[in-house]
Amino acid sequence: MANSDSPKALPTLLAGLWKENPVLALLLGMCPTLAVTSDVKSALTMGLSTAFVLLCSNIVVSLMRNLLKPHLRILMFTLTIATFVTIADLYLKAFLPAMSDKLGPYIPLIIVNCIIICRAEACASKNGLFISIIDAIGMGFGFTITLCMLGAIREILSTGAVFGKQILPAISENWYLTGGMPDGFIPMFAFALPVGAFVTLGLILGLVNMINKKTA
């Protein structure tokens, strides 16, 4: 089965990274994209948690696809997804309690994330195990990379740091008293707020549209 699906593997993998990127192309999963990308650590944790749930649910849905009844498929998708979301949530609470508290309800809300239900319906319920796994990897990494990109931009602009490490020179506390120019980076705290998420995402979507038009 894997050999017959091999020609489809690379296009399926790459689709999730760019052409059918969950955030940049399909505009799915907007809630966590805008809510948890104020810094890279939060974005990475949310992205990997979503990718884990996506991979596991795709595997299970693909394995039981021939047993699904049409009127029960959404119920089975939701129960499957909820199982793996619970595993991810309990893992974070046990081993990363500070991050679990920071992300709050957004980890449990992966249950209703449109990305996962979309891939279960569009891919895993119609394809074999190999393609379903490749699809989950592509979509999961595409989602994670996008969240990390947003998180990095917002964290740098709002604090001058990435992963908590200062990469832009910090401005002196009382620089304005000298009457001269700023001697370091002036943080733009708006990018740590929801408005910063909307502005950053809007600019990135505009850039992606420009690239797509030029390469069409």
C-alpha atoms as a PDB file:
ATOM      1  CA  MET A   1       0.000   0.000   0.000  1.00  0.00           C
ATOM      2  CA  ALA A   2       2.821   2.387   0.871  1.00  0.00           C
ATOM      3  CA  ASN A   3       4.513   1.755  -2.492  1.00  0.00           C
ATOM      4  CA  SER A   4       1.375   2.596  -4.483  1.00  0.00           C
ATOM      5  CA  ASP A   5       0.935   5.783  -2.443  1.00  0.00           C
ATOM      6  CA  SER A   6       4.582   6.845  -2.689  1.00  0.00           C
ATOM      7  CA  PRO A   7       4.095   9.203  -5.702  1.00  0.00           C
ATOM      8  CA  LYS A   8       1.468  11.080  -3.671  1.00  0.00           C
ATOM      9  CA  ALA A   9       3.621  11.350  -0.559  1.00  0.00           C
ATOM     10  CA  LEU A  10       5.801  14.354  -1.442  1.00  0.00           C
ATOM     11  CA  PRO A  11       2.978  16.528  -2.866  1.00  0.00           C
ATOM     12  CA  THR A  12       0.860  15.679   0.184  1.00  0.00           C
ATOM     13  CA  LEU A  13       3.682  16.628   2.541  1.00  0.00           C
ATOM     14  CA  LEU A  14       4.505  19.894   0.775  1.00  0.00           C
ATOM     15  CA  ALA A  15       0.848  20.906   0.479  1.00  0.00           C
ATOM     16  CA  GLY A  16       0.593  21.362   4.232  1.00  0.00           C
ATOM     17  CA  LEU A  17       3.721  23.483   4.319  1.00  0.00           C
ATOM     18  CA  TRP A  18       2.629  26.025   1.708  1.00  0.00           C
ATOM     19  CA  LYS A  19      -0.124  25.433  -0.880  1.00  0.00           C
ATOM     20  CA  GLU A  20      -2.661  24.174   1.684  1.00  0.00           C
ATOM     21  CA  ASN A  21      -1.059  25.586   4.821  1.00  0.00           C
ATOM     22  CA  PRO A  22      -3.771  25.475   7.515  1.00  0.00           C
ATOM     23  CA  VAL A  23      -3.288  29.111   8.526  1.00  0.00           C
ATOM     24  CA  LEU A  24      -1.832  30.879   5.502  1.00  0.00           C
ATOM     25  CA  ALA A  25      -3.954  29.191   2.821  1.00  0.00           C
ATOM     26  CA  LEU A  26      -7.011  27.596   4.422  1.00  0.00           C
ATOM     27  CA  LEU A  27      -7.380  30.123   7.275  1.00  0.00           C
ATOM     28  CA  LEU A  28      -8.154  27.375   9.793  1.00  0.00           C
ATOM     29  CA  GLY A  29      -7.286  27.339  13.480  1.00  0.00           C
ATOM     30  CA  MET A  30      -7.463  31.117  13.811  1.00  0.00           C
ATOM     31  CA  CYS A  31      -8.298  31.041  17.529  1.00  0.00           C
ATOM     32  CA  PRO A  32      -4.989  29.560  18.767  1.00  0.00           C
ATOM     33  CA  THR A  33      -3.104  31.329  15.982  1.00  0.00           C
ATOM     34  CA  LEU A  34      -4.133  34.723  17.322  1.00  0.00           C
ATOM     35  CA  ALA A  35      -4.327  33.854  21.018  1.00  0.00           C
ATOM     36  CA  VAL A  36      -1.094  32.009  21.875  1.00  0.00           C
ATOM     37  CA  THR A  37       1.534  33.514  19.566  1.00  0.00           C
ATOM     38  CA  SER A  38       2.741  36.322  21.815  1.00  0.00           C
ATOM     39  CA  ASP A  39       6.018  34.390  22.262  1.00  0.00           C
ATOM     40  CA  VAL A  40       7.762  31.482  20.562  1.00  0.00           C
ATOM     41  CA  LYS A  41       7.591  29.039  23.489  1.00  0.00           C
ATOM     42  CA  SER A  42       3.808  29.241  23.680  1.00  0.00           C
ATOM     43  CA  ALA A  43       3.472  29.036  19.901  1.00  0.00           C
ATOM     44  CA  LEU A  44       5.783  26.013  19.692  1.00  0.00           C
ATOM     45  CA  THR A  45       3.978  24.187  22.502  1.00  0.00           C
ATOM     46  CA  MET A  46       0.572  24.779  20.918  1.00  0.00           C
ATOM     47  CA  GLY A  47       1.850  23.795  17.465  1.00  0.00           C
ATOM     48  CA  LEU A  48       3.421  20.540  18.646  1.00  0.00           C
ATOM     49  CA  SER A  49       0.375  19.651  20.742  1.00  0.00           C
ATOM     50  CA  THR A  50      -1.893  20.176  17.747  1.00  0.00           C
ATOM     51  CA  ALA A  51       0.466  18.204  15.495  1.00  0.00           C
ATOM     52  CA  PHE A  52       0.472  15.302  17.982  1.00  0.00           C
ATOM     53  CA  VAL A  53      -3.336  15.199  18.107  1.00  0.00           C
ATOM     54  CA  LEU A  54      -3.550  15.536  14.324  1.00  0.00           C
ATOM     55  CA  LEU A  55      -1.138  12.654  13.716  1.00  0.00           C
ATOM     56  CA  CYS A  56      -2.756  10.295  16.202  1.00  0.00           C
ATOM     57  CA  SER A  57      -6.312  11.069  15.105  1.00  0.00           C
ATOM     58  CA  ASN A  58      -5.415  10.647  11.423  1.00  0.00           C
ATOM     59  CA  ILE A  59      -3.941   7.224  12.183  1.00  0.00           C
ATOM     60  CA  VAL A  60      -7.000   6.035  14.101  1.00  0.00           C
ATOM     61  CA  VAL A  61      -9.519   7.479  11.620  1.00  0.00           C
ATOM     62  CA  SER A  62      -7.658   5.919   8.698  1.00  0.00           C
ATOM     63  CA  LEU A  63      -7.608   2.508  10.396  1.00  0.00           C
ATOM     64  CA  MET A  64     -11.338   2.557  11.108  1.00  0.00           C
ATOM     65  CA  ARG A  65     -12.451   4.343   7.922  1.00  0.00           C
ATOM     66  CA  ASN A  66     -14.084   1.229   6.445  1.00  0.00           C
ATOM     67  CA  LEU A  67     -16.096   0.675   9.621  1.00  0.00           C
ATOM     68  CA  LEU A  68     -17.501   4.203   9.856  1.00  0.00           C
ATOM     69  CA  LYS A  69     -21.203   4.754   9.268  1.00  0.00           C
ATOM     70  CA  PRO A  70     -22.011   8.055   7.508  1.00  0.00           C
ATOM     71  CA  HIS A  71     -24.279   9.344  10.272  1.00  0.00           C
ATOM     72  CA  LEU A  72     -21.721   8.491  12.997  1.00  0.00           C
ATOM     73  CA  ARG A  73     -18.484   9.652  11.422  1.00  0.00           C
ATOM     74  CA  ILE A  74     -18.382  13.161  12.971  1.00  0.00           C
ATOM     75  CA  LEU A  75     -19.158  11.687  16.399  1.00  0.00           C
ATOM     76  CA  MET A  76     -16.336   9.159  16.020  1.00  0.00           C
ATOM     77  CA  PHE A  77     -13.959  11.877  14.799  1.00  0.00           C
ATOM     78  CA  THR A  78     -14.754  14.025  17.832  1.00  0.00           C
ATOM     79  CA  LEU A  79     -14.368  11.171  20.326  1.00  0.00           C
ATOM     80  CA  THR A  80     -11.055  10.163  18.767  1.00  0.00           C
ATOM     81  CA  ILE A  81      -9.724  13.715  18.799  1.00  0.00           C
ATOM     82  CA  ALA A  82     -10.914  14.284  22.379  1.00  0.00           C
ATOM     83  CA  THR A  83      -8.984  11.218  23.559  1.00  0.00           C
ATOM     84  CA  PHE A  84      -5.662  12.486  22.248  1.00  0.00           C
ATOM     85  CA  VAL A  85      -6.322  16.078  23.347  1.00  0.00           C
ATOM     86  CA  THR A  86      -6.829  14.734  26.884  1.00  0.00           C
ATOM     87  CA  ILE A  87      -3.501  12.903  26.665  1.00  0.00           C
ATOM     88  CA  ALA A  88      -1.718  16.076  25.471  1.00  0.00           C
ATOM     89  CA  ASP A  89      -3.397  18.201  28.148  1.00  0.00           C
ATOM     90  CA  LEU A  90      -2.505  15.820  30.990  1.00  0.00           C
ATOM     91  CA  TYR A  91       1.079  15.534  29.723  1.00  0.00           C
ATOM     92  CA  LEU A  92       1.520  19.320  29.795  1.00  0.00           C
ATOM     93  CA  LYS A  93      -0.023  19.554  33.261  1.00  0.00           C
ATOM     94  CA  ALA A  94       2.334  16.848  34.549  1.00  0.00           C
ATOM     95  CA  PHE A  95       5.621  17.876  32.910  1.00  0.00           C
ATOM     96  CA  LEU A  96       5.147  21.532  31.871  1.00  0.00           C
ATOM     97  CA  PRO A  97       2.737  22.944  34.458  1.00  0.00           C
ATOM     98  CA  ALA A  98       3.780  26.579  33.921  1.00  0.00           C
ATOM     99  CA  MET A  99       3.173  26.329  30.176  1.00  0.00           C
ATOM    100  CA  SER A 100      -0.100  24.491  30.781  1.00  0.00           C
ATOM    101  CA  ASP A 101      -1.290  27.346  33.002  1.00  0.00           C
ATOM    102  CA  LYS A 102      -0.164  29.906  30.444  1.00  0.00           C
ATOM    103  CA  LEU A 103      -2.010  28.259  27.557  1.00  0.00           C
ATOM    104  CA  GLY A 104      -5.067  27.787  29.750  1.00  0.00           C
ATOM    105  CA  PRO A 105      -8.154  26.576  27.865  1.00  0.00           C
ATOM    106  CA  TYR A 106      -6.546  26.607  24.423  1.00  0.00           C
ATOM    107  CA  ILE A 107      -5.144  23.070  24.739  1.00  0.00           C
ATOM    108  CA  PRO A 108      -8.585  21.519  25.498  1.00  0.00           C
ATOM    109  CA  LEU A 109     -10.023  23.625  22.667  1.00  0.00           C
ATOM    110  CA  ILE A 110      -7.924  21.617  20.197  1.00  0.00           C
ATOM    111  CA  ILE A 111     -10.918  19.251  20.269  1.00  0.00           C
ATOM    112  CA  VAL A 112     -12.876  21.709  18.124  1.00  0.00           C
ATOM    113  CA  ASN A 113      -9.918  22.855  16.039  1.00  0.00           C
ATOM    114  CA  CYS A 114     -11.132  22.898  12.431  1.00  0.00           C
ATOM    115  CA  ILE A 115      -7.746  21.727  11.140  1.00  0.00           C
ATOM    116  CA  ILE A 116      -8.014  18.312  12.781  1.00  0.00           C
ATOM    117  CA  ILE A 117     -11.631  17.624  11.873  1.00  0.00           C
ATOM    118  CA  CYS A 118     -10.944  18.877   8.344  1.00  0.00           C
ATOM    119  CA  ARG A 119      -8.048  16.456   7.820  1.00  0.00           C
ATOM    120  CA  ALA A 120     -10.001  13.573   9.344  1.00  0.00           C
ATOM    121  CA  GLU A 121     -12.865  14.193   6.925  1.00  0.00           C
ATOM    122  CA  ALA A 122     -10.890  15.213   3.828  1.00  0.00           C
ATOM    123  CA  CYS A 123      -7.933  12.827   4.057  1.00  0.00           C
ATOM    124  CA  ALA A 124      -7.824  10.174   6.791  1.00  0.00           C
ATOM    125  CA  SER A 125     -11.367   8.881   6.206  1.00  0.00           C
ATOM    126  CA  LYS A 126     -10.645   8.435   2.480  1.00  0.00           C
ATOM    127  CA  ASN A 127      -7.012   7.276   2.359  1.00  0.00           C
ATOM    128  CA  GLY A 128      -4.753   4.567   3.696  1.00  0.00           C
ATOM    129  CA  LEU A 129      -2.506   4.792   6.726  1.00  0.00           C
ATOM    130  CA  PHE A 130       0.632   5.923   4.872  1.00  0.00           C
ATOM    131  CA  ILE A 131      -0.917   8.946   3.153  1.00  0.00           C
ATOM    132  CA  SER A 132      -2.839   9.858   6.308  1.00  0.00           C
ATOM    133  CA  ILE A 133       0.403   9.972   8.299  1.00  0.00           C
ATOM    134  CA  ILE A 134       2.168  12.053   5.624  1.00  0.00           C
ATOM    135  CA  ASP A 135      -0.782  14.440   5.507  1.00  0.00           C
ATOM    136  CA  ALA A 136      -0.738  14.843   9.292  1.00  0.00           C
ATOM    137  CA  ILE A 137       3.011  15.503   9.306  1.00  0.00           C
ATOM    138  CA  GLY A 138       2.750  18.129   6.562  1.00  0.00           C
ATOM    139  CA  MET A 139      -0.255  19.891   8.085  1.00  0.00           C
ATOM    140  CA  GLY A 140       1.139  19.648  11.621  1.00  0.00           C
ATOM    141  CA  PHE A 141       4.521  21.088  10.701  1.00  0.00           C
ATOM    142  CA  GLY A 142       2.906  23.745   8.513  1.00  0.00           C
ATOM    143  CA  PHE A 143       0.731  24.849  11.426  1.00  0.00           C
ATOM    144  CA  THR A 144       3.620  24.743  13.917  1.00  0.00           C
ATOM    145  CA  ILE A 145       6.013  26.677  11.676  1.00  0.00           C
ATOM    146  CA  THR A 146       3.395  29.362  11.051  1.00  0.00           C
ATOM    147  CA  LEU A 147       2.670  29.763  14.759  1.00  0.00           C
ATOM    148  CA  CYS A 148       6.388  29.952  15.570  1.00  0.00           C
ATOM    149  CA  MET A 149       6.914  32.553  12.844  1.00  0.00           C
ATOM    150  CA  LEU A 150       4.128  34.697  14.271  1.00  0.00           C
ATOM    151  CA  GLY A 151       5.426  34.167  17.796  1.00  0.00           C
ATOM    152  CA  ALA A 152       8.997  35.109  16.847  1.00  0.00           C
ATOM    153  CA  ILE A 153       7.942  38.326  15.091  1.00  0.00           C
ATOM    154  CA  ARG A 154       5.655  39.400  17.923  1.00  0.00           C
ATOM    155  CA  GLU A 155       8.151  38.499  20.667  1.00  0.00           C
ATOM    156  CA  ILE A 156      11.004  40.353  18.975  1.00  0.00           C
ATOM    157  CA  LEU A 157       8.933  43.468  18.332  1.00  0.00           C
ATOM    158  CA  SER A 158       7.389  43.519  21.817  1.00  0.00           C
ATOM    159  CA  THR A 159      10.430  42.581  23.918  1.00  0.00           C
ATOM    160  CA  GLY A 160      13.500  42.429  21.670  1.00  0.00           C
ATOM    161  CA  ALA A 161      13.989  38.804  22.730  1.00  0.00           C
ATOM    162  CA  VAL A 162      13.365  35.279  21.435  1.00  0.00           C
ATOM    163  CA  PHE A 163      12.891  32.322  23.791  1.00  0.00           C
ATOM    164  CA  GLY A 164      13.489  34.834  26.568  1.00  0.00           C
ATOM    165  CA  LYS A 165      17.015  35.656  25.318  1.00  0.00           C
ATOM    166  CA  GLN A 166      17.673  39.280  24.431  1.00  0.00           C
ATOM    167  CA  ILE A 167      18.797  39.616  20.809  1.00  0.00           C
ATOM    168  CA  LEU A 168      18.267  43.355  20.373  1.00  0.00           C
ATOM    169  CA  PRO A 169      20.122  45.807  22.649  1.00  0.00           C
ATOM    170  CA  ALA A 170      17.915  46.884  25.540  1.00  0.00           C
ATOM    171  CA  ILE A 171      17.269  50.598  25.849  1.00  0.00           C
ATOM    172  CA  SER A 172      18.412  52.436  28.956  1.00  0.00           C
ATOM    173  CA  GLU A 173      15.690  53.029  31.509  1.00  0.00           C
ATOM    174  CA  ASN A 174      16.095  56.821  31.563  1.00  0.00           C
ATOM    175  CA  TRP A 175      17.426  57.413  28.045  1.00  0.00           C
ATOM    176  CA  TYR A 176      14.930  60.214  27.399  1.00  0.00           C
ATOM    177  CA  LEU A 177      16.475  62.330  30.173  1.00  0.00           C
ATOM    178  CA  THR A 178      19.689  62.740  28.209  1.00  0.00           C
ATOM    179  CA  GLY A 179      17.914  64.513  25.375  1.00  0.00           C
ATOM    180  CA  GLY A 180      19.645  62.316  22.816  1.00  0.00           C
ATOM    181  CA  MET A 181      18.594  59.475  20.541  1.00  0.00           C
ATOM    182  CA  PRO A 182      17.526  56.113  22.011  1.00  0.00           C
ATOM    183  CA  ASP A 183      20.548  53.945  22.786  1.00  0.00           C
ATOM    184  CA  GLY A 184      18.755  50.656  22.182  1.00  0.00           C
ATOM    185  CA  PHE A 185      15.622  48.951  20.941  1.00  0.00           C
ATOM    186  CA  ILE A 186      12.312  50.492  22.013  1.00  0.00           C
ATOM    187  CA  PRO A 187       9.823  47.654  22.655  1.00  0.00           C
ATOM    188  CA  MET A 188       6.493  47.919  20.847  1.00  0.00           C
ATOM    189  CA  PHE A 189       4.251  46.474  23.521  1.00  0.00           C
ATOM    190  CA  ALA A 190       1.200  46.523  21.240  1.00  0.00           C
ATOM    191  CA  PHE A 191       2.555  43.417  19.505  1.00  0.00           C
ATOM    192  CA  ALA A 192       2.154  41.455  22.745  1.00  0.00           C
ATOM    193  CA  LEU A 193      -1.565  42.316  22.724  1.00  0.00           C
ATOM    194  CA  PRO A 194      -4.347  40.878  20.525  1.00  0.00           C
ATOM    195  CA  VAL A 195      -4.052  43.810  18.139  1.00  0.00           C
ATOM    196  CA  GLY A 196      -0.455  42.773  17.478  1.00  0.00           C
ATOM    197  CA  ALA A 197      -1.603  39.292  16.500  1.00  0.00           C
ATOM    198  CA  PHE A 198      -4.102  40.660  13.975  1.00  0.00           C
ATOM    199  CA  VAL A 199      -1.604  43.116  12.473  1.00  0.00           C
ATOM    200  CA  THR A 200       1.192  40.534  12.211  1.00  0.00           C
ATOM    201  CA  LEU A 201      -1.036  37.862  10.707  1.00  0.00           C
ATOM    202  CA  GLY A 202      -2.543  40.355   8.257  1.00  0.00           C
ATOM    203  CA  LEU A 203       0.887  41.462   7.037  1.00  0.00           C
ATOM    204  CA  ILE A 204       2.066  37.860   6.636  1.00  0.00           C
ATOM    205  CA  LEU A 205      -1.086  36.913   4.710  1.00  0.00           C
ATOM    206  CA  GLY A 206      -0.554  39.910   2.449  1.00  0.00           C
ATOM    207  CA  LEU A 207       3.036  38.829   1.798  1.00  0.00           C
ATOM    208  CA  VAL A 208       1.936  35.267   1.043  1.00  0.00           C
ATOM    209  CA  ASN A 209      -0.675  36.539  -1.417  1.00  0.00           C
ATOM    210  CA  MET A 210       1.950  38.656  -3.170  1.00  0.00           C
ATOM    211  CA  ILE A 211       4.278  35.668  -3.485  1.00  0.00           C
ATOM    212  CA  ASN A 212       1.488  33.443  -4.781  1.00  0.00           C
ATOM    213  CA  LYS A 213       0.483  36.015  -7.417  1.00  0.00           C
ATOM    214  CA  LYS A 214       4.053  36.404  -8.645  1.00  0.00           C
ATOM    215  CA  THR A 215       4.622  32.660  -8.855  1.00  0.00           C
ATOM    216  CA  ALA A 216       1.233  31.824 -10.396  1.00  0.00           C
END
